[in-house]
Every structure is written in structure tokens, then in C-alpha cells.
Amino acid sequence: MIRGLSDGAYVGDGQIQGGLAHSFGPTAVIDVDGIEVLVVSESQQMVDLQQLRAFGIEPRERRVLALKSMQHFRAAFEPIVGKVIVCDAGALATPRAERRPYIRVPRPLWPLDRDFERQGRPEA
């Protein structure tokens, strides 16, 4: 069910976007079996609670928040949650370097290869 439609405009009030006007472009809030989903036209990193509040979603009142963001969310959202669970979606933004398809690097190379004997100059 559609709960709201918007032009996507909001003004940040947090550490990163405080006082700055932004827009997600045409935006909808939909309800999928009791789960509120914010659907935006122009993606952005989630860095401000106003990115939800402006569209009627109060993050402090939710038991679970799921955000698609790299690390930018932490300043705004970590203080209001009990636990952060980082999910690795793969692709270019994976925090696990060994998952990236490097082709022109000497091997073995840490952190790409974690199980190898160190060679070269011994540490002093």
C-alpha cells in the first residue's frame, strides 16, 4: 500500500547535512506487510535522520532499521540503535578486499591472501 508520495525534498539536521536542503527526487513510502519502505529516485548515502523523518518515518520509534549505505550512516544512526549489523552485498563496495576481482597484482598479497608465509625483510 502507498503511504505517501513526495517530491523528495528534505533539510538535514545532523552532523553531516545540518541545515542543507537536499532531494531524493520523486519519493514514495510504501507499506509491505507492515514494513515501511522508502523508495527514492535519486540514491544518496543515509547520513541524517531527516532522510526518514521528512517522509513520516521516525527512526527512533522503529525496532529495526535497514539502510543501504556504506559507512556514512554511522554518525547519525549508531547513537539511536542498540546494534549495527553490516551486510556485505558484494560488488565494488564490499569491505572484503579478497572478493574483488584483481588481475594485475602480485600474489600472494595481504589482505587479498590471508594464508601465506611472509617473505622479505624480517621485522626489527
Protein backbone atom coordinates (compact mmCIF):
# COMPACT_ATOMS: atom_id res chain seq x y z
CA MET A 1 0.00 0.00 0.00
CA ILE A 2 1.25 3.50 -0.80
CA ARG A 3 1.51 5.56 2.41
CA GLY A 4 2.87 8.74 0.89
CA LEU A 5 4.24 10.42 -2.21
CA SER A 6 6.64 13.36 -2.19
CA ASP A 7 8.97 15.46 -4.30
CA GLY A 8 11.72 14.04 -2.06
CA ALA A 9 12.84 17.35 -0.56
CA TYR A 10 14.24 17.47 2.97
CA VAL A 11 16.55 19.64 5.06
CA GLY A 12 19.20 17.82 7.06
CA ASP A 13 19.65 18.46 10.77
CA GLY A 14 22.52 16.14 11.62
CA GLN A 15 26.30 16.42 11.76
CA ILE A 16 26.89 15.98 8.04
CA GLN A 17 23.91 17.63 6.33
CA GLY A 18 22.73 20.01 9.06
CA GLY A 19 20.89 22.98 7.54
CA LEU A 20 21.40 21.85 3.95
CA ALA A 21 18.49 21.29 1.56
CA HIS A 22 18.55 18.02 -0.38
CA SER A 23 16.23 15.94 -2.50
CA PHE A 24 15.79 12.26 -3.26
CA GLY A 25 13.72 13.21 -6.32
CA PRO A 26 10.23 11.72 -6.59
CA THR A 27 9.83 9.60 -3.46
CA ALA A 28 7.28 7.13 -2.12
CA VAL A 29 6.73 5.47 1.23
CA ILE A 30 5.12 2.08 0.75
CA ASP A 31 3.90 -0.47 3.27
CA VAL A 32 4.84 -4.06 2.52
CA ASP A 33 3.16 -6.35 5.07
CA GLY A 34 3.71 -3.82 7.88
CA ILE A 35 7.24 -2.85 6.82
CA GLU A 36 7.73 0.77 5.74
CA VAL A 37 9.92 1.12 2.66
CA LEU A 38 11.26 4.46 1.44
CA VAL A 39 11.63 4.32 -2.35
CA VAL A 40 13.64 7.16 -3.88
CA SER A 41 14.53 8.20 -7.43
CA GLU A 42 17.98 9.59 -6.66
CA SER A 43 20.12 7.47 -4.36
CA GLN A 44 22.19 9.01 -1.57
CA GLN A 45 24.15 7.75 1.39
CA MET A 46 22.00 7.69 4.52
CA VAL A 47 23.65 10.26 6.79
CA ASP A 48 20.80 12.10 8.51
CA LEU A 49 17.70 11.09 10.47
CA GLN A 50 15.76 13.70 8.46
CA GLN A 51 16.17 11.45 5.43
CA LEU A 52 13.46 9.32 7.04
CA ARG A 53 11.61 11.82 9.25
CA ALA A 54 10.77 14.13 6.34
CA PHE A 55 8.67 11.30 4.91
CA GLY A 56 6.86 10.31 8.10
CA ILE A 57 9.23 7.60 9.32
CA GLU A 58 10.55 8.25 12.85
CA PRO A 59 13.70 6.12 13.14
CA ARG A 60 13.79 6.23 16.97
CA GLU A 61 10.39 4.51 17.06
CA ARG A 62 11.39 1.57 14.88
CA ARG A 63 12.57 -1.73 16.32
CA VAL A 64 14.64 -2.46 13.20
CA LEU A 65 16.12 -0.09 10.61
CA ALA A 66 17.61 -1.43 7.39
CA LEU A 67 19.68 1.06 5.41
CA LYS A 68 21.54 0.72 2.13
CA SER A 69 24.61 2.75 2.91
CA MET A 70 28.33 2.17 3.25
CA GLN A 71 29.76 3.65 6.46
CA HIS A 72 28.29 7.13 6.19
CA PHE A 73 25.22 6.23 8.26
CA ARG A 74 27.14 5.69 11.49
CA ALA A 75 27.28 9.29 12.80
CA ALA A 76 23.51 9.72 12.65
CA PHE A 77 22.19 6.22 13.23
CA GLU A 78 24.61 4.46 15.62
CA PRO A 79 23.59 6.64 18.59
CA ILE A 80 19.93 5.56 18.27
CA VAL A 81 20.35 1.82 17.73
CA GLY A 82 21.43 -0.98 20.01
CA LYS A 83 23.42 -2.86 17.40
CA VAL A 84 24.70 -2.38 13.84
CA ILE A 85 24.87 -5.41 11.57
CA VAL A 86 26.84 -4.74 8.39
CA CYS A 87 25.77 -6.81 5.39
CA ASP A 88 28.17 -7.37 2.52
CA ALA A 89 26.28 -7.01 -0.75
CA GLY A 90 29.43 -7.60 -2.76
CA ALA A 91 30.25 -5.58 -5.87
CA LEU A 92 32.66 -2.64 -5.79
CA ALA A 93 31.76 -1.53 -2.28
CA THR A 94 32.49 -4.79 -0.50
CA PRO A 95 34.57 -4.31 2.65
CA ARG A 96 36.21 -7.67 1.91
CA ALA A 97 39.05 -6.87 -0.48
CA GLU A 98 39.62 -10.54 -1.31
CA ARG A 99 36.22 -10.63 -3.04
CA ARG A 100 37.23 -8.06 -5.64
CA PRO A 101 38.47 -9.41 -8.98
CA TYR A 102 42.02 -8.03 -9.01
CA ILE A 103 44.01 -9.19 -12.03
CA ARG A 104 47.21 -7.11 -12.04
CA VAL A 105 48.52 -7.54 -8.53
CA PRO A 106 51.41 -9.70 -7.39
CA ARG A 107 50.25 -12.69 -5.38
CA PRO A 108 50.23 -13.51 -2.56
CA LEU A 109 49.26 -10.08 -1.24
CA TRP A 110 47.64 -9.28 2.07
CA PRO A 111 44.71 -8.67 2.61
CA LEU A 112 43.73 -10.48 -0.59
CA ASP A 113 45.53 -13.63 0.52
CA ARG A 114 45.48 -14.22 4.25
CA ASP A 115 47.10 -17.66 4.44
CA PHE A 116 50.68 -17.32 3.26
CA GLU A 117 54.13 -17.10 4.74
CA ARG A 118 55.61 -13.65 4.95
CA GLN A 119 58.67 -13.21 2.76
CA GLY A 120 61.15 -10.40 2.56
CA ARG A 121 62.92 -8.37 5.21
CA PRO A 122 62.33 -9.60 8.77
CA GLU A 123 60.95 -7.08 11.22
CA ALA A 124 63.45 -5.43 13.59
